[in-house]
PDB file of N, CA and C in Angstrom:
ATOM      1  N   MET A   1      -3.123  -1.236  -3.222  1.00  0.00           N
ATOM      2  CA  MET A   1      -3.664  -0.205  -2.371  1.00  0.00           C
ATOM      3  C   MET A   1      -3.603  -0.571  -0.888  1.00  0.00           C
ATOM      4  N   PRO A   2      -3.925  -1.798  -0.501  1.00  0.00           N
ATOM      5  CA  PRO A   2      -3.885  -2.082   0.936  1.00  0.00           C
ATOM      6  C   PRO A   2      -2.486  -1.957   1.541  1.00  0.00           C
ATOM      7  N   TYR A   3      -1.455  -2.186   0.736  1.00  0.00           N
ATOM      8  CA  TYR A   3      -0.093  -2.095   1.252  1.00  0.00           C
ATOM      9  C   TYR A   3       0.254  -0.657   1.629  1.00  0.00           C
ATOM     10  N   VAL A   4      -0.150   0.264   0.797  1.00  0.00           N
ATOM     11  CA  VAL A   4       0.125   1.673   1.063  1.00  0.00           C
ATOM     12  C   VAL A   4      -0.693   2.149   2.263  1.00  0.00           C
ATOM     13  N   LEU A   5      -1.948   1.725   2.349  1.00  0.00           N
ATOM     14  CA  LEU A   5      -2.777   2.104   3.493  1.00  0.00           C
ATOM     15  C   LEU A   5      -2.195   1.559   4.787  1.00  0.00           C
ATOM     16  N   ASP A   6      -1.723   0.313   4.770  1.00  0.00           N
ATOM     17  CA  ASP A   6      -1.046  -0.248   5.945  1.00  0.00           C
ATOM     18  C   ASP A   6       0.200   0.558   6.291  1.00  0.00           C
ATOM     19  N   PHE A   7       0.959   0.935   5.268  1.00  0.00           N
ATOM     20  CA  PHE A   7       2.195   1.683   5.485  1.00  0.00           C
ATOM     21  C   PHE A   7       1.928   3.021   6.170  1.00  0.00           C
ATOM     22  N   TYR A   8       0.908   3.727   5.695  1.00  0.00           N
ATOM     23  CA  TYR A   8       0.603   5.030   6.284  1.00  0.00           C
ATOM     24  C   TYR A   8       0.081   4.904   7.704  1.00  0.00           C
ATOM     25  N   GLY A   9      -0.575   3.802   8.006  1.00  0.00           N
ATOM     26  CA  GLY A   9      -1.004   3.501   9.369  1.00  0.00           C
ATOM     27  C   GLY A   9      -1.602   4.666  10.114  1.00  0.00           C
ATOM     28  N   GLU A  10      -0.973   5.020  11.228  1.00  0.00           N
ATOM     29  CA  GLU A  10      -1.492   6.070  12.107  1.00  0.00           C
ATOM     30  C   GLU A  10      -1.604   7.426  11.417  1.00  0.00           C
ATOM     31  N   MET A  11      -0.754   7.674  10.435  1.00  0.00           N
ATOM     32  CA  MET A  11      -0.796   8.961   9.739  1.00  0.00           C
ATOM     33  C   MET A  11      -2.105   9.147   8.977  1.00  0.00           C
ATOM     34  N   ALA A  12      -2.724   8.047   8.589  1.00  0.00           N
ATOM     35  CA  ALA A  12      -3.967   8.123   7.819  1.00  0.00           C
ATOM     36  C   ALA A  12      -5.162   7.618   8.622  1.00  0.00           C
ATOM     37  N   GLU A  13      -4.979   7.418   9.908  1.00  0.00           N
ATOM     38  CA  GLU A  13      -6.004   6.800  10.745  1.00  0.00           C
ATOM     39  C   GLU A  13      -7.345   7.535  10.682  1.00  0.00           C
ATOM     40  N   LYS A  14      -7.322   8.854  10.791  1.00  0.00           N
ATOM     41  CA  LYS A  14      -8.582   9.606  10.784  1.00  0.00           C
ATOM     42  C   LYS A  14      -9.299   9.445   9.445  1.00  0.00           C
ATOM     43  N   ARG A  15      -8.579   9.569   8.365  1.00  0.00           N
ATOM     44  CA  ARG A  15      -9.201   9.434   7.044  1.00  0.00           C
ATOM     45  C   ARG A  15      -9.711   8.010   6.813  1.00  0.00           C
ATOM     46  N   LEU A  16      -8.932   7.021   7.259  1.00  0.00           N
ATOM     47  CA  LEU A  16      -9.375   5.641   7.129  1.00  0.00           C
ATOM     48  C   LEU A  16     -10.621   5.386   7.976  1.00  0.00           C
ATOM     49  N   SER A  17     -10.648   5.955   9.160  1.00  0.00           N
ATOM     50  CA  SER A  17     -11.822   5.810  10.026  1.00  0.00           C
ATOM     51  C   SER A  17     -13.046   6.440   9.373  1.00  0.00           C
ATOM     52  N   ASP A  18     -12.857   7.585   8.739  1.00  0.00           N
ATOM     53  CA  ASP A  18     -13.964   8.241   8.034  1.00  0.00           C
ATOM     54  C   ASP A  18     -14.476   7.358   6.898  1.00  0.00           C
ATOM     55  N   LEU A  19     -13.558   6.780   6.136  1.00  0.00           N
ATOM     56  CA  LEU A  19     -13.949   5.882   5.045  1.00  0.00           C
ATOM     57  C   LEU A  19     -14.672   4.653   5.590  1.00  0.00           C
ATOM     58  N   ALA A  20     -14.144   4.107   6.677  1.00  0.00           N
ATOM     59  CA  ALA A  20     -14.753   2.913   7.270  1.00  0.00           C
ATOM     60  C   ALA A  20     -16.184   3.211   7.719  1.00  0.00           C
ATOM     61  N   ARG A  21     -16.372   4.334   8.395  1.00  0.00           N
ATOM     62  CA  ARG A  21     -17.722   4.713   8.846  1.00  0.00           C
ATOM     63  C   ARG A  21     -18.665   4.874   7.658  1.00  0.00           C
ATOM     64  N   ALA A  22     -18.201   5.526   6.617  1.00  0.00           N
ATOM     65  CA  ALA A  22     -19.026   5.745   5.432  1.00  0.00           C
ATOM     66  C   ALA A  22     -19.409   4.411   4.771  1.00  0.00           C
ATOM     67  N   ALA A  23     -18.529   3.422   4.902  1.00  0.00           N
ATOM     68  CA  ALA A  23     -18.784   2.103   4.309  1.00  0.00           C
ATOM     69  C   ALA A  23     -19.474   1.156   5.297  1.00  0.00           C
ATOM     70  N   GLY A  24     -19.790   1.663   6.494  1.00  0.00           N
ATOM     71  CA  GLY A  24     -20.473   0.841   7.490  1.00  0.00           C
ATOM     72  C   GLY A  24     -19.573  -0.158   8.183  1.00  0.00           C
ATOM     73  N   MET A  25     -18.289   0.171   8.295  1.00  0.00           N
ATOM     74  CA  MET A  25     -17.327  -0.729   8.927  1.00  0.00           C
ATOM     75  C   MET A  25     -16.858  -0.136  10.244  1.00  0.00           C
ATOM     76  N   PRO A  26     -16.423  -0.999  11.172  1.00  0.00           N
ATOM     77  CA  PRO A  26     -16.076  -0.517  12.510  1.00  0.00           C
ATOM     78  C   PRO A  26     -14.736   0.210  12.639  1.00  0.00           C
ATOM     79  N   SER A  27     -13.823   0.003  11.682  1.00  0.00           N
ATOM     80  CA  SER A  27     -12.490   0.601  11.845  1.00  0.00           C
ATOM     81  C   SER A  27     -11.770   0.699  10.509  1.00  0.00           C
ATOM     82  N   GLY A  28     -10.686   1.477  10.530  1.00  0.00           N
ATOM     83  CA  GLY A  28      -9.838   1.571   9.349  1.00  0.00           C
ATOM     84  C   GLY A  28      -9.222   0.230   8.995  1.00  0.00           C
ATOM     85  N   ALA A  29      -8.868  -0.558  10.018  1.00  0.00           N
ATOM     86  CA  ALA A  29      -8.294  -1.887   9.763  1.00  0.00           C
ATOM     87  C   ALA A  29      -9.309  -2.777   9.049  1.00  0.00           C
ATOM     88  N   ALA A  30     -10.569  -2.679   9.445  1.00  0.00           N
ATOM     89  CA  ALA A  30     -11.622  -3.462   8.791  1.00  0.00           C
ATOM     90  C   ALA A  30     -11.788  -3.016   7.337  1.00  0.00           C
ATOM     91  N   PHE A  31     -11.642  -1.712   7.097  1.00  0.00           N
ATOM     92  CA  PHE A  31     -11.737  -1.179   5.742  1.00  0.00           C
ATOM     93  C   PHE A  31     -10.623  -1.744   4.868  1.00  0.00           C
ATOM     94  N   ILE A  32      -9.398  -1.752   5.389  1.00  0.00           N
ATOM     95  CA  ILE A  32      -8.258  -2.295   4.636  1.00  0.00           C
ATOM     96  C   ILE A  32      -8.465  -3.785   4.369  1.00  0.00           C
ATOM     97  N   GLN A  33      -8.960  -4.517   5.369  1.00  0.00           N
ATOM     98  CA  GLN A  33      -9.218  -5.947   5.182  1.00  0.00           C
ATOM     99  C   GLN A  33     -10.283  -6.160   4.108  1.00  0.00           C
ATOM    100  N   ALA A  34     -11.292  -5.302   4.086  1.00  0.00           N
ATOM    101  CA  ALA A  34     -12.337  -5.408   3.062  1.00  0.00           C
ATOM    102  C   ALA A  34     -11.751  -5.190   1.665  1.00  0.00           C
ATOM    103  N   ILE A  35     -10.787  -4.298   1.550  1.00  0.00           N
ATOM    104  CA  ILE A  35     -10.119  -4.077   0.261  1.00  0.00           C
ATOM    105  C   ILE A  35      -9.372  -5.345  -0.147  1.00  0.00           C
ATOM    106  N   ARG A  36      -8.662  -5.953   0.793  1.00  0.00           N
ATOM    107  CA  ARG A  36      -7.942  -7.200   0.498  1.00  0.00           C
ATOM    108  C   ARG A  36      -8.919  -8.291   0.029  1.00  0.00           C
ATOM    109  N   GLU A  37     -10.034  -8.410   0.713  1.00  0.00           N
ATOM    110  CA  GLU A  37     -11.025  -9.422   0.355  1.00  0.00           C
ATOM    111  C   GLU A  37     -11.638  -9.138  -1.015  1.00  0.00           C
ATOM    112  N   GLN A  38     -11.909  -7.864  -1.290  1.00  0.00           N
ATOM    113  CA  GLN A  38     -12.448  -7.500  -2.603  1.00  0.00           C
ATOM    114  C   GLN A  38     -11.431  -7.811  -3.699  1.00  0.00           C
ATOM    115  N   ASN A  39     -10.178  -7.505  -3.445  1.00  0.00           N
ATOM    116  CA  ASN A  39      -9.127  -7.830  -4.412  1.00  0.00           C
ATOM    117  C   ASN A  39      -9.118  -9.324  -4.716  1.00  0.00           C
ATOM    118  N   ALA A  40      -9.241 -10.151  -3.668  1.00  0.00           N
ATOM    119  CA  ALA A  40      -9.245 -11.609  -3.856  1.00  0.00           C
ATOM    120  C   ALA A  40     -10.453 -12.038  -4.688  1.00  0.00           C
ATOM    121  N   ARG A  41     -11.622 -11.477  -4.389  1.00  0.00           N
ATOM    122  CA  ARG A  41     -12.823 -11.820  -5.159  1.00  0.00           C
ATOM    123  C   ARG A  41     -12.687 -11.426  -6.631  1.00  0.00           C
ATOM    124  N   LEU A  42     -11.966 -10.334  -6.878  1.00  0.00           N
ATOM    125  CA  LEU A  42     -11.786  -9.862  -8.247  1.00  0.00           C
ATOM    126  C   LEU A  42     -10.600 -10.529  -8.958  1.00  0.00           C
ATOM    127  N   GLY A  43      -9.897 -11.393  -8.239  1.00  0.00           N
ATOM    128  CA  GLY A  43      -8.761 -12.073  -8.843  1.00  0.00           C
ATOM    129  C   GLY A  43      -7.503 -11.231  -8.899  1.00  0.00           C
ATOM    130  N   ILE A  44      -7.463 -10.159  -8.114  1.00  0.00           N
ATOM    131  CA  ILE A  44      -6.259  -9.321  -8.052  1.00  0.00           C
ATOM    132  C   ILE A  44      -5.275 -10.026  -7.120  1.00  0.00           C
ATOM    133  N   PRO A  45      -4.102 -10.384  -7.598  1.00  0.00           N
ATOM    134  CA  PRO A  45      -3.168 -11.152  -6.770  1.00  0.00           C
ATOM    135  C   PRO A  45      -2.677 -10.357  -5.558  1.00  0.00           C
ATOM    136  N   ALA A  46      -2.348 -11.095  -4.501  1.00  0.00           N
ATOM    137  CA  ALA A  46      -1.840 -10.473  -3.278  1.00  0.00           C
ATOM    138  C   ALA A  46      -0.421  -9.954  -3.457  1.00  0.00           C
ATOM    139  N   GLY A  47       0.274 -10.422  -4.444  1.00  0.00           N
ATOM    140  CA  GLY A  47       1.632  -9.978  -4.705  1.00  0.00           C
ATOM    141  C   GLY A  47       1.951 -10.131  -6.180  1.00  0.00           C
ATOM    142  N   LEU A  48       3.156  -9.740  -6.526  1.00  0.00           N
ATOM    143  CA  LEU A  48       3.563  -9.789  -7.934  1.00  0.00           C
ATOM    144  C   LEU A  48       4.704 -10.793  -8.104  1.00  0.00           C
ATOM    145  N   ASP A  49       4.497 -11.762  -8.984  1.00  0.00           N
ATOM    146  CA  ASP A  49       5.521 -12.771  -9.237  1.00  0.00           C
ATOM    147  C   ASP A  49       6.754 -12.198  -9.927  1.00  0.00           C
ATOM    148  N   CYS A  50       6.593 -11.084 -10.594  1.00  0.00           N
ATOM    149  CA  CYS A  50       7.661 -10.557 -11.436  1.00  0.00           C
ATOM    150  C   CYS A  50       8.684  -9.704 -10.681  1.00  0.00           C
ATOM    151  N   ILE A  51       8.460  -9.428  -9.425  1.00  0.00           N
ATOM    152  CA  ILE A  51       9.406  -8.581  -8.684  1.00  0.00           C
ATOM    153  C   ILE A  51      10.587  -9.424  -8.225  1.00  0.00           C
ATOM    154  N   ARG A  52      11.747  -9.050  -8.729  1.00  0.00           N
ATOM    155  CA  ARG A  52      12.983  -9.703  -8.294  1.00  0.00           C
ATOM    156  C   ARG A  52      13.655  -8.795  -7.272  1.00  0.00           C
ATOM    157  N   GLU A  53      14.275  -9.395  -6.293  1.00  0.00           N
ATOM    158  CA  GLU A  53      14.897  -8.618  -5.226  1.00  0.00           C
ATOM    159  C   GLU A  53      15.893  -7.595  -5.774  1.00  0.00           C
ATOM    160  N   GLU A  54      16.657  -7.989  -6.786  1.00  0.00           N
ATOM    161  CA  GLU A  54      17.664  -7.085  -7.332  1.00  0.00           C
ATOM    162  C   GLU A  54      17.057  -5.897  -8.081  1.00  0.00           C
ATOM    163  N   ASP A  55      15.769  -5.989  -8.418  1.00  0.00           N
ATOM    164  CA  ASP A  55      15.098  -4.899  -9.128  1.00  0.00           C
ATOM    165  C   ASP A  55      14.444  -3.874  -8.202  1.00  0.00           C
ATOM    166  N   ILE A  56      14.328  -4.199  -6.931  1.00  0.00           N
ATOM    167  CA  ILE A  56      13.593  -3.333  -6.004  1.00  0.00           C
ATOM    168  C   ILE A  56      14.146  -1.906  -5.945  1.00  0.00           C
ATOM    169  N   PRO A  57      15.464  -1.684  -5.842  1.00  0.00           N
ATOM    170  CA  PRO A  57      15.950  -0.292  -5.801  1.00  0.00           C
ATOM    171  C   PRO A  57      15.566   0.514  -7.044  1.00  0.00           C
ATOM    172  N   LEU A  58      15.630  -0.111  -8.214  1.00  0.00           N
ATOM    173  CA  LEU A  58      15.279   0.588  -9.448  1.00  0.00           C
ATOM    174  C   LEU A  58      13.776   0.886  -9.508  1.00  0.00           C
ATOM    175  N   ILE A  59      12.943  -0.079  -9.128  1.00  0.00           N
ATOM    176  CA  ILE A  59      11.492   0.132  -9.110  1.00  0.00           C
ATOM    177  C   ILE A  59      11.157   1.298  -8.185  1.00  0.00           C
ATOM    178  N   ALA A  60      11.759   1.312  -7.002  1.00  0.00           N
ATOM    179  CA  ALA A  60      11.497   2.381  -6.035  1.00  0.00           C
ATOM    180  C   ALA A  60      11.955   3.737  -6.581  1.00  0.00           C
ATOM    181  N   ALA A  61      13.134   3.775  -7.163  1.00  0.00           N
ATOM    182  CA  ALA A  61      13.651   5.039  -7.707  1.00  0.00           C
ATOM    183  C   ALA A  61      12.742   5.570  -8.810  1.00  0.00           C
ATOM    184  N   GLN A  62      12.280   4.690  -9.680  1.00  0.00           N
ATOM    185  CA  GLN A  62      11.398   5.127 -10.758  1.00  0.00           C
ATOM    186  C   GLN A  62      10.056   5.604 -10.212  1.00  0.00           C
ATOM    187  N   ALA A  63       9.526   4.911  -9.214  1.00  0.00           N
ATOM    188  CA  ALA A  63       8.262   5.336  -8.603  1.00  0.00           C
ATOM    189  C   ALA A  63       8.408   6.715  -7.976  1.00  0.00           C
ATOM    190  N   LEU A  64       9.522   6.955  -7.308  1.00  0.00           N
ATOM    191  CA  LEU A  64       9.738   8.258  -6.666  1.00  0.00           C
ATOM    192  C   LEU A  64       9.893   9.366  -7.695  1.00  0.00           C
ATOM    193  N   ARG A  65      10.491   9.069  -8.834  1.00  0.00           N
ATOM    194  CA  ARG A  65      10.627  10.074  -9.892  1.00  0.00           C
ATOM    195  C   ARG A  65       9.265  10.463 -10.462  1.00  0.00           C
ATOM    196  N   GLU A  66       8.331   9.523 -10.472  1.00  0.00           N
ATOM    197  CA  GLU A  66       7.005   9.793 -11.024  1.00  0.00           C
ATOM    198  C   GLU A  66       6.058  10.423 -10.012  1.00  0.00           C
ATOM    199  N   SER A  67       6.428  10.423  -8.745  1.00  0.00           N
ATOM    200  CA  SER A  67       5.538  10.966  -7.722  1.00  0.00           C
ATOM    201  C   SER A  67       5.530  12.492  -7.769  1.00  0.00           C
ATOM    202  N   ASN A  68       4.496  13.050  -7.211  1.00  0.00           N
ATOM    203  CA  ASN A  68       4.340  14.500  -7.181  1.00  0.00           C
ATOM    204  C   ASN A  68       4.279  14.947  -5.720  1.00  0.00           C
ATOM    205  N   PRO A  69       5.253  15.702  -5.246  1.00  0.00           N
ATOM    206  CA  PRO A  69       5.254  16.106  -3.832  1.00  0.00           C
ATOM    207  C   PRO A  69       4.096  17.034  -3.465  1.00  0.00           C
ATOM    208  N   LEU A  70       3.386  17.534  -4.451  1.00  0.00           N
ATOM    209  CA  LEU A  70       2.239  18.393  -4.164  1.00  0.00           C
ATOM    210  C   LEU A  70       0.951  17.583  -3.996  1.00  0.00           C
ATOM    211  N   TYR A  71       0.991  16.298  -4.320  1.00  0.00           N
ATOM    212  CA  TYR A  71      -0.188  15.456  -4.162  1.00  0.00           C
ATOM    213  C   TYR A  71      -0.436  15.234  -2.674  1.00  0.00           C
ATOM    214  N   PRO A  72      -1.680  15.350  -2.226  1.00  0.00           N
ATOM    215  CA  PRO A  72      -1.956  15.271  -0.785  1.00  0.00           C
ATOM    216  C   PRO A  72      -1.877  13.845  -0.233  1.00  0.00           C
ATOM    217  N   VAL A  73      -0.735  13.496   0.301  1.00  0.00           N
ATOM    218  CA  VAL A  73      -0.534  12.199   0.944  1.00  0.00           C
ATOM    219  C   VAL A  73      -0.156  12.446   2.403  1.00  0.00           C
ATOM    220  N   PRO A  74      -0.391  11.463   3.271  1.00  0.00           N
ATOM    221  CA  PRO A  74      -0.063  11.666   4.687  1.00  0.00           C
ATOM    222  C   PRO A  74       1.419  11.893   4.956  1.00  0.00           C
ATOM    223  N   LYS A  75       2.274  11.323   4.099  1.00  0.00           N
ATOM    224  CA  LYS A  75       3.714  11.444   4.322  1.00  0.00           C
ATOM    225  C   LYS A  75       4.444  11.243   3.004  1.00  0.00           C
ATOM    226  N   ILE A  76       5.424  12.087   2.741  1.00  0.00           N
ATOM    227  CA  ILE A  76       6.303  11.897   1.582  1.00  0.00           C
ATOM    228  C   ILE A  76       7.359  10.870   1.997  1.00  0.00           C
ATOM    229  N   ILE A  77       7.563   9.852   1.163  1.00  0.00           N
ATOM    230  CA  ILE A  77       8.515   8.807   1.516  1.00  0.00           C
ATOM    231  C   ILE A  77       9.788   8.941   0.700  1.00  0.00           C
ATOM    232  N   GLY A  78      10.818   8.337   1.201  1.00  0.00           N
ATOM    233  CA  GLY A  78      12.111   8.350   0.530  1.00  0.00           C
ATOM    234  C   GLY A  78      12.413   6.993  -0.092  1.00  0.00           C
ATOM    235  N   GLN A  79      13.601   6.864  -0.619  1.00  0.00           N
ATOM    236  CA  GLN A  79      14.029   5.653  -1.322  1.00  0.00           C
ATOM    237  C   GLN A  79      13.899   4.409  -0.447  1.00  0.00           C
ATOM    238  N   ALA A  80      14.431   4.454   0.763  1.00  0.00           N
ATOM    239  CA  ALA A  80      14.412   3.264   1.628  1.00  0.00           C
ATOM    240  C   ALA A  80      12.986   2.838   1.960  1.00  0.00           C
ATOM    241  N   GLN A  81      12.118   3.797   2.232  1.00  0.00           N
ATOM    242  CA  GLN A  81      10.733   3.456   2.551  1.00  0.00           C
ATOM    243  C   GLN A  81      10.008   2.900   1.329  1.00  0.00           C
ATOM    244  N   CYS A  82      10.275   3.464   0.177  1.00  0.00           N
ATOM    245  CA  CYS A  82       9.660   2.975  -1.050  1.00  0.00           C
ATOM    246  C   CYS A  82      10.151   1.557  -1.350  1.00  0.00           C
ATOM    247  N   GLU A  83      11.421   1.305  -1.142  1.00  0.00           N
ATOM    248  CA  GLU A  83      11.956  -0.041  -1.336  1.00  0.00           C
ATOM    249  C   GLU A  83      11.281  -1.030  -0.388  1.00  0.00           C
ATOM    250  N   ALA A  84      11.042  -0.607   0.856  1.00  0.00           N
ATOM    251  CA  ALA A  84      10.381  -1.479   1.826  1.00  0.00           C
ATOM    252  C   ALA A  84       8.955  -1.812   1.380  1.00  0.00           C
ATOM    253  N   LEU A  85       8.256  -0.837   0.818  1.00  0.00           N
ATOM    254  CA  LEU A  85       6.907  -1.090   0.310  1.00  0.00           C
ATOM    255  C   LEU A  85       6.935  -2.113  -0.826  1.00  0.00           C
ATOM    256  N   VAL A  86       7.839  -1.933  -1.758  1.00  0.00           N
ATOM    257  CA  VAL A  86       7.941  -2.849  -2.895  1.00  0.00           C
ATOM    258  C   VAL A  86       8.363  -4.239  -2.414  1.00  0.00           C
ATOM    259  N   ALA A  87       9.313  -4.290  -1.507  1.00  0.00           N
ATOM    260  CA  ALA A  87       9.764  -5.577  -0.971  1.00  0.00           C
ATOM    261  C   ALA A  87       8.629  -6.274  -0.226  1.00  0.00           C
ATOM    262  N   GLY A  88       7.810  -5.520   0.483  1.00  0.00           N
ATOM    263  CA  GLY A  88       6.671  -6.099   1.193  1.00  0.00           C
ATOM    264  C   GLY A  88       5.672  -6.731   0.261  1.00  0.00           C
ATOM    265  N   LEU A  89       5.456  -6.119  -0.869  1.00  0.00           N
ATOM    266  CA  LEU A  89       4.546  -6.680  -1.859  1.00  0.00           C
ATOM    267  C   LEU A  89       5.116  -7.993  -2.390  1.00  0.00           C
ATOM    268  N   ARG A  90       6.406  -7.997  -2.637  1.00  0.00           N
ATOM    269  CA  ARG A  90       7.063  -9.212  -3.111  1.00  0.00           C
ATOM    270  C   ARG A  90       7.063 -10.265  -2.009  1.00  0.00           C
ATOM    271  N   LYS A  91       7.358  -9.869  -0.800  1.00  0.00           N
ATOM    272  CA  LYS A  91       7.445 -10.804   0.327  1.00  0.00           C
ATOM    273  C   LYS A  91       6.093 -11.474   0.574  1.00  0.00           C
ATOM    274  N   GLU A  92       5.008 -10.689   0.548  1.00  0.00           N
ATOM    275  CA  GLU A  92       3.692 -11.263   0.802  1.00  0.00           C
ATOM    276  C   GLU A  92       3.342 -12.311  -0.242  1.00  0.00           C
ATOM    277  N   ARG A  93       3.766 -12.101  -1.443  1.00  0.00           N
ATOM    278  CA  ARG A  93       3.497 -13.061  -2.521  1.00  0.00           C
ATOM    279  C   ARG A  93       4.113 -14.413  -2.177  1.00  0.00           C
ATOM    280  N   GLN A  94       5.283 -14.410  -1.556  1.00  0.00           N
ATOM    281  CA  GLN A  94       6.000 -15.641  -1.295  1.00  0.00           C
ATOM    282  C   GLN A  94       5.476 -16.390  -0.082  1.00  0.00           C
ATOM    283  N   GLU A  95       4.774 -15.736   0.796  1.00  0.00           N
ATOM    284  CA  GLU A  95       4.313 -16.385   2.036  1.00  0.00           C
ATOM    285  C   GLU A  95       3.112 -17.268   1.813  1.00  0.00           C
TER     286      GLU A  95
END
C-alpha cells in the first residue's frame, strides 16, 4: 500500500492529508510513513523476494487486466507505470 500511495503523490495529496488529519498526523507523508512502520511491526516485508526482473512485465500486464477502470483512483496507469511500481517493490527489497 505505501508504494501505491507514494506513486500517486500529488494526485492523492488532498485525500492523504484528510486521512492524516483524521489519524492525528501532520501530513500525508507522515501517514504513509506510519503505514510503513505498522507494516514492519506486523512483520509485513518491505519487498518481495520472489519478484524476478524478467517477470515484471507479465506481473504488470496481469495486474492491469484485473483492474477496473471504473474504480475511483487518482490516475489510471499503463503498462510502463505498473512495471515501475512492481520494480520499485523489488528494488526496495534489495536495498
